[in-house]
Amino acid sequence: MGDEEDPAEHPERLAGSIAPFGVSQASDFDDEHAGQGLTFVLEITDIVDQLHLEGGFDVDSLPVRIVPVRSIGRKSELSIGRISIFRQGR
């Protein structure tokens, strides 16, 4: 799916949803969590398998797009520190 495509037209590529409730407190360096933020895990095995079968999977480049359900205000300060993809053997 390219940047110009509407994600709503590709529900088969939806890895899941997250709710960043509590991210402010979890990101506060003075709090007990010491600014580590929140961690979410999404299972993408079926999506990767389908991309591979379609010939659209490049192990060196897997694009990830974060799509908000609702508009995020211009004054909102939301950042994503890191997205990691791990492969586990079976």
PDB file of N, CA and C in Angstrom:
ATOM      1  N   MET A   1       0.842  -1.164   0.000  1.00  0.00           N
ATOM      2  CA  MET A   1       0.000   0.000   0.000  1.00  0.00           C
ATOM      3  C   MET A   1       0.894   1.236   0.000  1.00  0.00           C
ATOM      4  N   GLY A   2       0.733   2.089  -0.956  1.00  0.00           N
ATOM      5  CA  GLY A   2       1.538   3.294  -1.058  1.00  0.00           C
ATOM      6  C   GLY A   2       1.021   4.409  -0.168  1.00  0.00           C
ATOM      7  N   ASP A   3       1.822   5.450  -0.010  1.00  0.00           N
ATOM      8  CA  ASP A   3       1.451   6.583   0.833  1.00  0.00           C
ATOM      9  C   ASP A   3       0.183   7.281   0.347  1.00  0.00           C
ATOM     10  N   GLU A   4      -0.072   7.230  -0.940  1.00  0.00           N
ATOM     11  CA  GLU A   4      -1.224   7.925  -1.504  1.00  0.00           C
ATOM     12  C   GLU A   4      -2.523   7.129  -1.366  1.00  0.00           C
ATOM     13  N   GLU A   5      -2.446   5.875  -0.992  1.00  0.00           N
ATOM     14  CA  GLU A   5      -3.633   5.030  -0.885  1.00  0.00           C
ATOM     15  C   GLU A   5      -4.338   5.230   0.452  1.00  0.00           C
ATOM     16  N   ASP A   6      -5.656   5.070   0.418  1.00  0.00           N
ATOM     17  CA  ASP A   6      -6.482   5.214   1.612  1.00  0.00           C
ATOM     18  C   ASP A   6      -6.422   3.919   2.423  1.00  0.00           C
ATOM     19  N   PRO A   7      -5.936   3.980   3.668  1.00  0.00           N
ATOM     20  CA  PRO A   7      -5.846   2.774   4.496  1.00  0.00           C
ATOM     21  C   PRO A   7      -7.196   2.077   4.687  1.00  0.00           C
ATOM     22  N   ALA A   8      -8.286   2.831   4.662  1.00  0.00           N
ATOM     23  CA  ALA A   8      -9.616   2.247   4.836  1.00  0.00           C
ATOM     24  C   ALA A   8      -9.961   1.271   3.714  1.00  0.00           C
ATOM     25  N   GLU A   9      -9.303   1.413   2.577  1.00  0.00           N
ATOM     26  CA  GLU A   9      -9.550   0.521   1.441  1.00  0.00           C
ATOM     27  C   GLU A   9      -8.752  -0.777   1.538  1.00  0.00           C
ATOM     28  N   HIS A  10      -7.929  -0.922   2.574  1.00  0.00           N
ATOM     29  CA  HIS A  10      -7.090  -2.109   2.746  1.00  0.00           C
ATOM     30  C   HIS A  10      -7.182  -2.647   4.178  1.00  0.00           C
ATOM     31  N   PRO A  11      -8.379  -3.069   4.607  1.00  0.00           N
ATOM     32  CA  PRO A  11      -8.520  -3.566   5.982  1.00  0.00           C
ATOM     33  C   PRO A  11      -7.693  -4.826   6.234  1.00  0.00           C
ATOM     34  N   GLU A  12      -7.318  -5.533   5.197  1.00  0.00           N
ATOM     35  CA  GLU A  12      -6.496  -6.739   5.353  1.00  0.00           C
ATOM     36  C   GLU A  12      -5.075  -6.407   5.800  1.00  0.00           C
ATOM     37  N   ARG A  13      -4.692  -5.148   5.728  1.00  0.00           N
ATOM     38  CA  ARG A  13      -3.356  -4.718   6.141  1.00  0.00           C
ATOM     39  C   ARG A  13      -3.334  -4.099   7.540  1.00  0.00           C
ATOM     40  N   LEU A  14      -4.482  -4.066   8.208  1.00  0.00           N
ATOM     41  CA  LEU A  14      -4.553  -3.490   9.548  1.00  0.00           C
ATOM     42  C   LEU A  14      -3.958  -4.456  10.559  1.00  0.00           C
ATOM     43  N   ALA A  15      -2.882  -4.033  11.199  1.00  0.00           N
ATOM     44  CA  ALA A  15      -2.217  -4.879  12.198  1.00  0.00           C
ATOM     45  C   ALA A  15      -2.951  -4.842  13.527  1.00  0.00           C
ATOM     46  N   GLY A  16      -3.633  -3.768  13.814  1.00  0.00           N
ATOM     47  CA  GLY A  16      -4.351  -3.660  15.074  1.00  0.00           C
ATOM     48  C   GLY A  16      -4.495  -2.216  15.494  1.00  0.00           C
ATOM     49  N   SER A  17      -5.024  -2.027  16.674  1.00  0.00           N
ATOM     50  CA  SER A  17      -5.238  -0.691  17.218  1.00  0.00           C
ATOM     51  C   SER A  17      -4.589  -0.604  18.590  1.00  0.00           C
ATOM     52  N   ILE A  18      -4.185   0.586  18.928  1.00  0.00           N
ATOM     53  CA  ILE A  18      -3.640   0.838  20.262  1.00  0.00           C
ATOM     54  C   ILE A  18      -4.361   2.045  20.846  1.00  0.00           C
ATOM     55  N   ALA A  19      -4.408   2.109  22.144  1.00  0.00           N
ATOM     56  CA  ALA A  19      -4.996   3.246  22.841  1.00  0.00           C
ATOM     57  C   ALA A  19      -3.915   3.816  23.757  1.00  0.00           C
ATOM     58  N   PRO A  20      -3.410   4.994  23.442  1.00  0.00           N
ATOM     59  CA  PRO A  20      -2.296   5.544  24.216  1.00  0.00           C
ATOM     60  C   PRO A  20      -2.695   6.181  25.542  1.00  0.00           C
ATOM     61  N   PHE A  21      -3.726   5.639  26.198  1.00  0.00           N
ATOM     62  CA  PHE A  21      -4.101   6.164  27.506  1.00  0.00           C
ATOM     63  C   PHE A  21      -2.950   5.962  28.483  1.00  0.00           C
ATOM     64  N   GLY A  22      -2.624   6.994  29.197  1.00  0.00           N
ATOM     65  CA  GLY A  22      -1.559   6.910  30.188  1.00  0.00           C
ATOM     66  C   GLY A  22      -0.180   7.201  29.647  1.00  0.00           C
ATOM     67  N   VAL A  23      -0.083   7.547  28.365  1.00  0.00           N
ATOM     68  CA  VAL A  23       1.232   7.789  27.779  1.00  0.00           C
ATOM     69  C   VAL A  23       1.924   8.996  28.416  1.00  0.00           C
ATOM     70  N   SER A  24       1.172  10.004  28.793  1.00  0.00           N
ATOM     71  CA  SER A  24       1.787  11.190  29.416  1.00  0.00           C
ATOM     72  C   SER A  24       2.482  10.819  30.716  1.00  0.00           C
ATOM     73  N   GLN A  25       1.779  10.083  31.570  1.00  0.00           N
ATOM     74  CA  GLN A  25       2.371   9.694  32.852  1.00  0.00           C
ATOM     75  C   GLN A  25       3.536   8.727  32.636  1.00  0.00           C
ATOM     76  N   ALA A  26       3.394   7.791  31.713  1.00  0.00           N
ATOM     77  CA  ALA A  26       4.448   6.805  31.474  1.00  0.00           C
ATOM     78  C   ALA A  26       5.677   7.430  30.824  1.00  0.00           C
ATOM     79  N   SER A  27       5.533   8.610  30.252  1.00  0.00           N
ATOM     80  CA  SER A  27       6.651   9.278  29.589  1.00  0.00           C
ATOM     81  C   SER A  27       7.320  10.331  30.460  1.00  0.00           C
ATOM     82  N   ASP A  28       6.796  10.557  31.648  1.00  0.00           N
ATOM     83  CA  ASP A  28       7.319  11.569  32.559  1.00  0.00           C
ATOM     84  C   ASP A  28       8.589  11.046  33.237  1.00  0.00           C
ATOM     85  N   PHE A  29       9.718  11.710  33.002  1.00  0.00           N
ATOM     86  CA  PHE A  29      10.995  11.271  33.569  1.00  0.00           C
ATOM     87  C   PHE A  29      11.024  11.353  35.091  1.00  0.00           C
ATOM     88  N   ASP A  30      10.145  12.159  35.681  1.00  0.00           N
ATOM     89  CA  ASP A  30      10.107  12.292  37.135  1.00  0.00           C
ATOM     90  C   ASP A  30       9.168  11.284  37.788  1.00  0.00           C
ATOM     91  N   ASP A  31       8.467  10.488  36.990  1.00  0.00           N
ATOM     92  CA  ASP A  31       7.518   9.507  37.514  1.00  0.00           C
ATOM     93  C   ASP A  31       8.227   8.183  37.775  1.00  0.00           C
ATOM     94  N   GLU A  32       7.557   7.244  38.404  1.00  0.00           N
ATOM     95  CA  GLU A  32       8.174   5.958  38.731  1.00  0.00           C
ATOM     96  C   GLU A  32       8.556   5.145  37.498  1.00  0.00           C
ATOM     97  N   HIS A  33       7.951   5.427  36.338  1.00  0.00           N
ATOM     98  CA  HIS A  33       8.281   4.692  35.113  1.00  0.00           C
ATOM     99  C   HIS A  33       9.516   5.253  34.412  1.00  0.00           C
ATOM    100  N   ALA A  34      10.020   6.374  34.894  1.00  0.00           N
ATOM    101  CA  ALA A  34      11.258   7.000  34.397  1.00  0.00           C
ATOM    102  C   ALA A  34      11.254   7.268  32.897  1.00  0.00           C
ATOM    103  N   GLY A  35      10.113   7.696  32.373  1.00  0.00           N
ATOM    104  CA  GLY A  35      10.065   8.142  30.980  1.00  0.00           C
ATOM    105  C   GLY A  35      10.169   7.053  29.939  1.00  0.00           C
ATOM    106  N   GLN A  36       9.806   5.841  30.263  1.00  0.00           N
ATOM    107  CA  GLN A  36       9.920   4.751  29.298  1.00  0.00           C
ATOM    108  C   GLN A  36       8.747   4.683  28.330  1.00  0.00           C
ATOM    109  N   GLY A  37       7.710   5.451  28.544  1.00  0.00           N
ATOM    110  CA  GLY A  37       6.567   5.451  27.644  1.00  0.00           C
ATOM    111  C   GLY A  37       5.794   4.152  27.728  1.00  0.00           C
ATOM    112  N   LEU A  38       5.070   3.846  26.673  1.00  0.00           N
ATOM    113  CA  LEU A  38       4.252   2.634  26.612  1.00  0.00           C
ATOM    114  C   LEU A  38       4.773   1.710  25.525  1.00  0.00           C
ATOM    115  N   THR A  39       4.548   0.422  25.695  1.00  0.00           N
ATOM    116  CA  THR A  39       4.940  -0.570  24.703  1.00  0.00           C
ATOM    117  C   THR A  39       3.704  -1.354  24.281  1.00  0.00           C
ATOM    118  N   PHE A  40       3.556  -1.557  22.987  1.00  0.00           N
ATOM    119  CA  PHE A  40       2.446  -2.329  22.446  1.00  0.00           C
ATOM    120  C   PHE A  40       3.013  -3.413  21.542  1.00  0.00           C
ATOM    121  N   VAL A  41       2.351  -4.550  21.505  1.00  0.00           N
ATOM    122  CA  VAL A  41       2.755  -5.645  20.631  1.00  0.00           C
ATOM    123  C   VAL A  41       1.579  -5.975  19.724  1.00  0.00           C
ATOM    124  N   LEU A  42       1.827  -5.977  18.418  1.00  0.00           N
ATOM    125  CA  LEU A  42       0.797  -6.326  17.438  1.00  0.00           C
ATOM    126  C   LEU A  42       1.286  -7.519  16.629  1.00  0.00           C
ATOM    127  N   GLU A  43       0.445  -8.492  16.451  1.00  0.00           N
ATOM    128  CA  GLU A  43       0.771  -9.701  15.690  1.00  0.00           C
ATOM    129  C   GLU A  43       0.560  -9.431  14.198  1.00  0.00           C
ATOM    130  N   ILE A  44       1.629  -9.542  13.402  1.00  0.00           N
ATOM    131  CA  ILE A  44       1.533  -9.239  11.969  1.00  0.00           C
ATOM    132  C   ILE A  44       1.860 -10.437  11.084  1.00  0.00           C
ATOM    133  N   THR A  45       1.901 -11.630  11.649  1.00  0.00           N
ATOM    134  CA  THR A  45       2.290 -12.818  10.890  1.00  0.00           C
ATOM    135  C   THR A  45       1.422 -13.019   9.651  1.00  0.00           C
ATOM    136  N   ASP A  46       0.109 -12.937   9.806  1.00  0.00           N
ATOM    137  CA  ASP A  46      -0.784 -13.153   8.655  1.00  0.00           C
ATOM    138  C   ASP A  46      -0.579 -12.102   7.570  1.00  0.00           C
ATOM    139  N   ILE A  47      -0.345 -10.865   7.969  1.00  0.00           N
ATOM    140  CA  ILE A  47      -0.117  -9.794   6.992  1.00  0.00           C
ATOM    141  C   ILE A  47       1.180 -10.048   6.232  1.00  0.00           C
ATOM    142  N   VAL A  48       2.235 -10.381   6.937  1.00  0.00           N
ATOM    143  CA  VAL A  48       3.529 -10.654   6.297  1.00  0.00           C
ATOM    144  C   VAL A  48       3.427 -11.873   5.386  1.00  0.00           C
ATOM    145  N   ASP A  49       2.733 -12.915   5.839  1.00  0.00           N
ATOM    146  CA  ASP A  49       2.542 -14.102   4.991  1.00  0.00           C
ATOM    147  C   ASP A  49       1.830 -13.746   3.700  1.00  0.00           C
ATOM    148  N   GLN A  50       0.770 -12.950   3.789  1.00  0.00           N
ATOM    149  CA  GLN A  50       0.019 -12.560   2.592  1.00  0.00           C
ATOM    150  C   GLN A  50       0.868 -11.699   1.662  1.00  0.00           C
ATOM    151  N   LEU A  51       1.631 -10.762   2.211  1.00  0.00           N
ATOM    152  CA  LEU A  51       2.528  -9.946   1.382  1.00  0.00           C
ATOM    153  C   LEU A  51       3.540 -10.827   0.664  1.00  0.00           C
ATOM    154  N   HIS A  52       4.070 -11.816   1.374  1.00  0.00           N
ATOM    155  CA  HIS A  52       5.037 -12.730   0.771  1.00  0.00           C
ATOM    156  C   HIS A  52       4.399 -13.509  -0.376  1.00  0.00           C
ATOM    157  N   LEU A  53       3.184 -14.016  -0.170  1.00  0.00           N
ATOM    158  CA  LEU A  53       2.495 -14.766  -1.224  1.00  0.00           C
ATOM    159  C   LEU A  53       2.190 -13.902  -2.447  1.00  0.00           C
ATOM    160  N   GLU A  54       1.940 -12.611  -2.219  1.00  0.00           N
ATOM    161  CA  GLU A  54       1.648 -11.681  -3.310  1.00  0.00           C
ATOM    162  C   GLU A  54       2.915 -11.153  -3.976  1.00  0.00           C
ATOM    163  N   GLY A  55       4.069 -11.526  -3.431  1.00  0.00           N
ATOM    164  CA  GLY A  55       5.329 -11.030  -3.974  1.00  0.00           C
ATOM    165  C   GLY A  55       5.623  -9.595  -3.590  1.00  0.00           C
ATOM    166  N   GLY A  56       4.918  -9.078  -2.577  1.00  0.00           N
ATOM    167  CA  GLY A  56       5.091  -7.690  -2.174  1.00  0.00           C
ATOM    168  C   GLY A  56       5.833  -7.519  -0.872  1.00  0.00           C
ATOM    169  N   PHE A  57       6.630  -8.514  -0.503  1.00  0.00           N
ATOM    170  CA  PHE A  57       7.328  -8.429   0.774  1.00  0.00           C
ATOM    171  C   PHE A  57       8.822  -8.365   0.546  1.00  0.00           C
ATOM    172  N   ASP A  58       9.423  -7.295   1.009  1.00  0.00           N
ATOM    173  CA  ASP A  58      10.871  -7.122   0.950  1.00  0.00           C
ATOM    174  C   ASP A  58      11.362  -7.122   2.391  1.00  0.00           C
ATOM    175  N   VAL A  59      12.109  -8.148   2.757  1.00  0.00           N
ATOM    176  CA  VAL A  59      12.554  -8.305   4.137  1.00  0.00           C
ATOM    177  C   VAL A  59      13.383  -7.112   4.616  1.00  0.00           C
ATOM    178  N   ASP A  60      13.999  -6.387   3.711  1.00  0.00           N
ATOM    179  CA  ASP A  60      14.826  -5.235   4.091  1.00  0.00           C
ATOM    180  C   ASP A  60      14.037  -3.937   4.186  1.00  0.00           C
ATOM    181  N   SER A  61      12.781  -3.955   3.748  1.00  0.00           N
ATOM    182  CA  SER A  61      11.995  -2.724   3.761  1.00  0.00           C
ATOM    183  C   SER A  61      10.519  -3.055   3.940  1.00  0.00           C
ATOM    184  N   LEU A  62      10.040  -2.946   5.154  1.00  0.00           N
ATOM    185  CA  LEU A  62       8.633  -3.183   5.437  1.00  0.00           C
ATOM    186  C   LEU A  62       8.024  -1.863   5.892  1.00  0.00           C
ATOM    187  N   PRO A  63       7.283  -1.196   5.010  1.00  0.00           N
ATOM    188  CA  PRO A  63       6.714   0.095   5.387  1.00  0.00           C
ATOM    189  C   PRO A  63       5.639  -0.060   6.461  1.00  0.00           C
ATOM    190  N   VAL A  64       5.621   0.883   7.389  1.00  0.00           N
ATOM    191  CA  VAL A  64       4.645   0.902   8.470  1.00  0.00           C
ATOM    192  C   VAL A  64       3.994   2.271   8.465  1.00  0.00           C
ATOM    193  N   ARG A  65       2.682   2.291   8.518  1.00  0.00           N
ATOM    194  CA  ARG A  65       1.958   3.560   8.547  1.00  0.00           C
ATOM    195  C   ARG A  65       1.087   3.590   9.800  1.00  0.00           C
ATOM    196  N   ILE A  66       1.195   4.670  10.563  1.00  0.00           N
ATOM    197  CA  ILE A  66       0.378   4.884  11.742  1.00  0.00           C
ATOM    198  C   ILE A  66      -0.775   5.789  11.316  1.00  0.00           C
ATOM    199  N   VAL A  67      -2.007   5.315  11.488  1.00  0.00           N
ATOM    200  CA  VAL A  67      -3.181   6.063  11.041  1.00  0.00           C
ATOM    201  C   VAL A  67      -4.084   6.334  12.240  1.00  0.00           C
ATOM    202  N   PRO A  68      -4.264   7.603  12.610  1.00  0.00           N
ATOM    203  CA  PRO A  68      -5.146   7.903  13.744  1.00  0.00           C
ATOM    204  C   PRO A  68      -6.611   7.662  13.377  1.00  0.00           C
ATOM    205  N   VAL A  69      -7.383   7.185  14.344  1.00  0.00           N
ATOM    206  CA  VAL A  69      -8.812   6.982  14.135  1.00  0.00           C
ATOM    207  C   VAL A  69      -9.504   8.332  14.029  1.00  0.00           C
ATOM    208  N   ARG A  70      -9.084   9.259  14.872  1.00  0.00           N
ATOM    209  CA  ARG A  70      -9.610  10.627  14.849  1.00  0.00           C
ATOM    210  C   ARG A  70      -8.464  11.585  14.575  1.00  0.00           C
ATOM    211  N   SER A  71      -8.801  12.758  14.104  1.00  0.00           N
ATOM    212  CA  SER A  71      -7.776  13.767  13.850  1.00  0.00           C
ATOM    213  C   SER A  71      -7.037  14.108  15.134  1.00  0.00           C
ATOM    214  N   ILE A  72      -5.743  14.330  14.999  1.00  0.00           N
ATOM    215  CA  ILE A  72      -4.918  14.745  16.126  1.00  0.00           C
ATOM    216  C   ILE A  72      -4.728  16.249  16.008  1.00  0.00           C
ATOM    217  N   GLY A  73      -5.026  16.963  17.071  1.00  0.00           N
ATOM    218  CA  GLY A  73      -4.911  18.418  17.042  1.00  0.00           C
ATOM    219  C   GLY A  73      -3.496  18.876  16.762  1.00  0.00           C
ATOM    220  N   ARG A  74      -3.363  20.020  16.149  1.00  0.00           N
ATOM    221  CA  ARG A  74      -2.050  20.562  15.790  1.00  0.00           C
ATOM    222  C   ARG A  74      -1.171  20.801  17.016  1.00  0.00           C
ATOM    223  N   LYS A  75      -1.785  21.068  18.157  1.00  0.00           N
ATOM    224  CA  LYS A  75      -1.019  21.353  19.370  1.00  0.00           C
ATOM    225  C   LYS A  75      -0.644  20.084  20.129  1.00  0.00           C
ATOM    226  N   SER A  76      -1.125  18.949  19.684  1.00  0.00           N
ATOM    227  CA  SER A  76      -0.810  17.690  20.357  1.00  0.00           C
ATOM    228  C   SER A  76       0.658  17.348  20.152  1.00  0.00           C
ATOM    229  N   GLU A  77       1.270  16.866  21.204  1.00  0.00           N
ATOM    230  CA  GLU A  77       2.677  16.476  21.131  1.00  0.00           C
ATOM    231  C   GLU A  77       2.774  14.966  21.303  1.00  0.00           C
ATOM    232  N   LEU A  78       2.557  14.256  20.231  1.00  0.00           N
ATOM    233  CA  LEU A  78       2.624  12.801  20.244  1.00  0.00           C
ATOM    234  C   LEU A  78       3.772  12.379  19.348  1.00  0.00           C
ATOM    235  N   SER A  79       4.652  11.548  19.881  1.00  0.00           N
ATOM    236  CA  SER A  79       5.749  11.053  19.063  1.00  0.00           C
ATOM    237  C   SER A  79       5.903   9.558  19.291  1.00  0.00           C
ATOM    238  N   ILE A  80       6.395   8.896  18.289  1.00  0.00           N
ATOM    239  CA  ILE A  80       6.649   7.461  18.370  1.00  0.00           C
ATOM    240  C   ILE A  80       8.151   7.292  18.335  1.00  0.00           C
ATOM    241  N   GLY A  81       8.685   6.762  19.409  1.00  0.00           N
ATOM    242  CA  GLY A  81      10.130   6.647  19.538  1.00  0.00           C
ATOM    243  C   GLY A  81      10.738   5.559  18.684  1.00  0.00           C
ATOM    244  N   ARG A  82      10.063   4.416  18.591  1.00  0.00           N
ATOM    245  CA  ARG A  82      10.659   3.308  17.856  1.00  0.00           C
ATOM    246  C   ARG A  82       9.582   2.294  17.498  1.00  0.00           C
ATOM    247  N   ILE A  83       9.710   1.734  16.320  1.00  0.00           N
ATOM    248  CA  ILE A  83       8.894   0.600  15.894  1.00  0.00           C
ATOM    249  C   ILE A  83       9.875  -0.505  15.547  1.00  0.00           C
ATOM    250  N   SER A  84       9.710  -1.650  16.184  1.00  0.00           N
ATOM    251  CA  SER A  84      10.601  -2.786  15.937  1.00  0.00           C
ATOM    252  C   SER A  84       9.776  -3.972  15.472  1.00  0.00           C
ATOM    253  N   ILE A  85      10.338  -4.740  14.576  1.00  0.00           N
ATOM    254  CA  ILE A  85       9.690  -5.955  14.097  1.00  0.00           C
ATOM    255  C   ILE A  85      10.612  -7.115  14.423  1.00  0.00           C
ATOM    256  N   PHE A  86      10.069  -8.089  15.138  1.00  0.00           N
ATOM    257  CA  PHE A  86      10.844  -9.249  15.554  1.00  0.00           C
ATOM    258  C   PHE A  86      10.263 -10.493  14.921  1.00  0.00           C
ATOM    259  N   ARG A  87      11.134 -11.366  14.501  1.00  0.00           N
ATOM    260  CA  ARG A  87      10.719 -12.653  13.970  1.00  0.00           C
ATOM    261  C   ARG A  87      11.116 -13.729  14.970  1.00  0.00           C
ATOM    262  N   GLN A  88      10.142 -14.536  15.339  1.00  0.00           N
ATOM    263  CA  GLN A  88      10.397 -15.616  16.272  1.00  0.00           C
ATOM    264  C   GLN A  88      10.294 -16.945  15.528  1.00  0.00           C
ATOM    265  N   GLY A  89      11.214 -17.851  15.809  1.00  0.00           N
ATOM    266  CA  GLY A  89      11.159 -19.168  15.207  1.00  0.00           C
ATOM    267  C   GLY A  89      10.051 -19.994  15.812  1.00  0.00           C
ATOM    268  N   ARG A  90       9.585 -20.952  15.055  1.00  0.00           N
ATOM    269  CA  ARG A  90       8.504 -21.816  15.546  1.00  0.00           C
ATOM    270  C   ARG A  90       9.048 -23.112  15.998  1.00  0.00           C
TER     271      ARG A  90
END
